[in-house]
Protein backbone atom coordinates (compact mmCIF):
# COMPACT_ATOMS: atom_id res chain seq x y z
CA MET A 1 -6.37 -32.51 -14.84
CA PRO A 2 -3.19 -31.85 -12.78
CA HIS A 3 -3.33 -29.50 -9.81
CA ASP A 4 -1.64 -26.17 -10.58
CA ARG A 5 0.25 -25.17 -7.39
CA GLN A 6 1.44 -21.89 -8.93
CA THR A 7 -2.00 -20.37 -9.27
CA THR A 8 -4.35 -22.12 -6.85
CA ASP A 9 -2.65 -22.93 -3.54
CA CYS A 10 -3.98 -20.79 -0.71
CA LEU A 11 -3.87 -21.60 2.96
CA PRO A 12 -6.70 -20.39 5.20
CA VAL A 13 -5.56 -18.19 8.08
CA PRO A 14 -8.03 -17.45 10.90
CA ASP A 15 -9.20 -13.81 10.97
CA ARG A 16 -7.19 -12.91 7.85
CA LEU A 17 -7.20 -13.32 4.13
CA PRO A 18 -5.81 -16.66 2.93
CA VAL A 19 -2.06 -16.96 2.49
CA CYS A 20 -1.50 -17.71 -1.19
CA HIS A 21 1.51 -18.86 -3.19
CA GLY A 22 2.56 -18.17 -6.77
CA ALA A 23 0.43 -16.01 -9.06
CA LEU A 24 -2.36 -15.57 -6.50
CA ALA A 25 0.09 -14.27 -3.91
CA GLN A 26 1.46 -11.76 -6.42
CA ALA A 27 -2.05 -10.60 -7.29
CA GLN A 28 -2.95 -10.20 -3.60
CA GLU A 29 0.26 -8.28 -2.93
CA ALA A 30 -0.44 -5.99 -5.90
CA ALA A 31 -3.97 -5.34 -4.58
CA ASP A 32 -2.48 -4.48 -1.17
CA LYS A 33 -0.12 -2.00 -2.83
CA SER A 34 -2.64 0.13 -4.71
CA VAL A 35 -5.19 2.77 -3.78
CA SER A 36 -7.76 4.73 -5.71
CA SER A 37 -6.87 8.43 -5.94
CA THR A 38 -9.14 10.76 -4.00
CA PHE A 39 -9.10 13.25 -6.87
CA ASN A 40 -9.67 11.36 -10.11
CA GLY A 41 -10.36 7.76 -9.05
CA ARG A 42 -7.23 6.51 -10.86
CA GLU A 43 -5.43 3.59 -9.21
CA LEU A 44 -2.17 4.69 -7.63
CA VAL A 45 0.66 2.19 -7.19
CA VAL A 46 4.22 2.31 -5.87
CA GLY A 47 6.26 4.41 -8.31
CA ASP A 48 3.35 6.68 -9.29
CA ARG A 49 3.17 10.34 -8.39
CA ALA A 50 0.73 11.15 -5.60
CA PRO A 51 -1.47 14.27 -5.82
CA ASP A 52 0.23 17.45 -4.59
CA LEU A 53 -1.82 17.59 -1.38
CA TYR A 54 0.04 14.53 -0.06
CA GLN A 55 3.44 16.23 -0.39
CA ARG A 56 2.38 18.90 2.12
CA GLU A 57 3.13 18.84 5.85
CA VAL A 58 -0.58 19.14 6.65
CA SER A 59 -1.14 15.61 5.26
CA ALA A 60 1.74 13.96 7.14
CA ILE A 61 1.09 11.18 9.67
CA HIS A 62 3.30 12.01 12.66
CA ASP A 63 2.46 8.96 14.78
CA TRP A 64 3.65 6.50 12.12
CA LYS A 65 5.37 4.31 14.71
CA LYS A 66 2.13 3.90 16.69
CA LYS A 67 0.43 2.76 13.48
CA GLY A 68 3.07 0.08 12.93
CA LEU A 69 4.72 1.84 9.96
CA LYS A 70 8.45 1.90 9.31
CA ALA A 71 10.34 5.15 9.75
CA PRO A 72 9.91 7.41 6.70
CA GLN A 73 13.00 7.91 4.61
CA GLU A 74 14.62 11.33 4.54
CA GLN A 75 12.47 13.80 2.55
CA SER A 76 9.43 11.51 2.71
CA GLN A 77 6.31 11.20 4.86
CA TRP A 78 3.49 8.78 5.53
CA VAL A 79 0.01 9.96 4.52
CA GLN A 80 -3.36 8.22 4.48
CA ILE A 81 -5.23 7.86 1.21
CA LYS A 82 -8.51 6.06 1.81
CA ASP A 83 -7.69 2.61 3.24
CA GLN A 84 -3.93 2.75 2.62
CA TYR A 85 -0.98 4.38 4.34
CA VAL A 86 1.21 5.75 1.57
CA LEU A 87 4.86 6.75 1.87
CA VAL A 88 5.34 9.79 -0.35
CA GLU A 89 8.59 11.52 -1.31
CA ILE A 90 8.02 15.18 -0.38
CA THR A 91 10.13 16.65 -3.17
CA SER A 92 8.72 14.68 -6.11
CA GLY A 93 5.45 13.16 -4.89
CA LYS A 94 6.71 9.70 -5.85
CA ILE A 95 4.98 6.89 -3.97
CA LEU A 96 7.67 4.81 -2.27
CA ASP A 97 5.59 2.26 -0.33
CA MET A 98 2.07 1.38 0.80
CA ALA A 99 0.57 -0.44 3.74
CA PRO A 100 -3.08 -1.22 4.43
CA VAL A 101 -4.81 0.62 7.25
CA LYS A 102 -5.43 -1.90 10.02
CA ARG A 103 -8.95 -1.73 11.41
């Protein structure tokens, strides 16, 4: 049976998850860009609407640079939902980006 490079090639990287190519890489990236909602357990992904709490100033991460996050766009803020930093548009609640919390 021929080796399928699209779905099975992963390179081990010390102290990190393997670096994968093709379909596995896309699946890993998708897993890195989702978080379970703290309110109803539903998976949130980029493009979804975050719960209202995360649009409020009280939820904002102000030391985003120290955490290695990019500058939030105008009218947006970084918040933490479980093990993900989530960039949320303040006016609509739309999730613009996600990054895993580094431990």
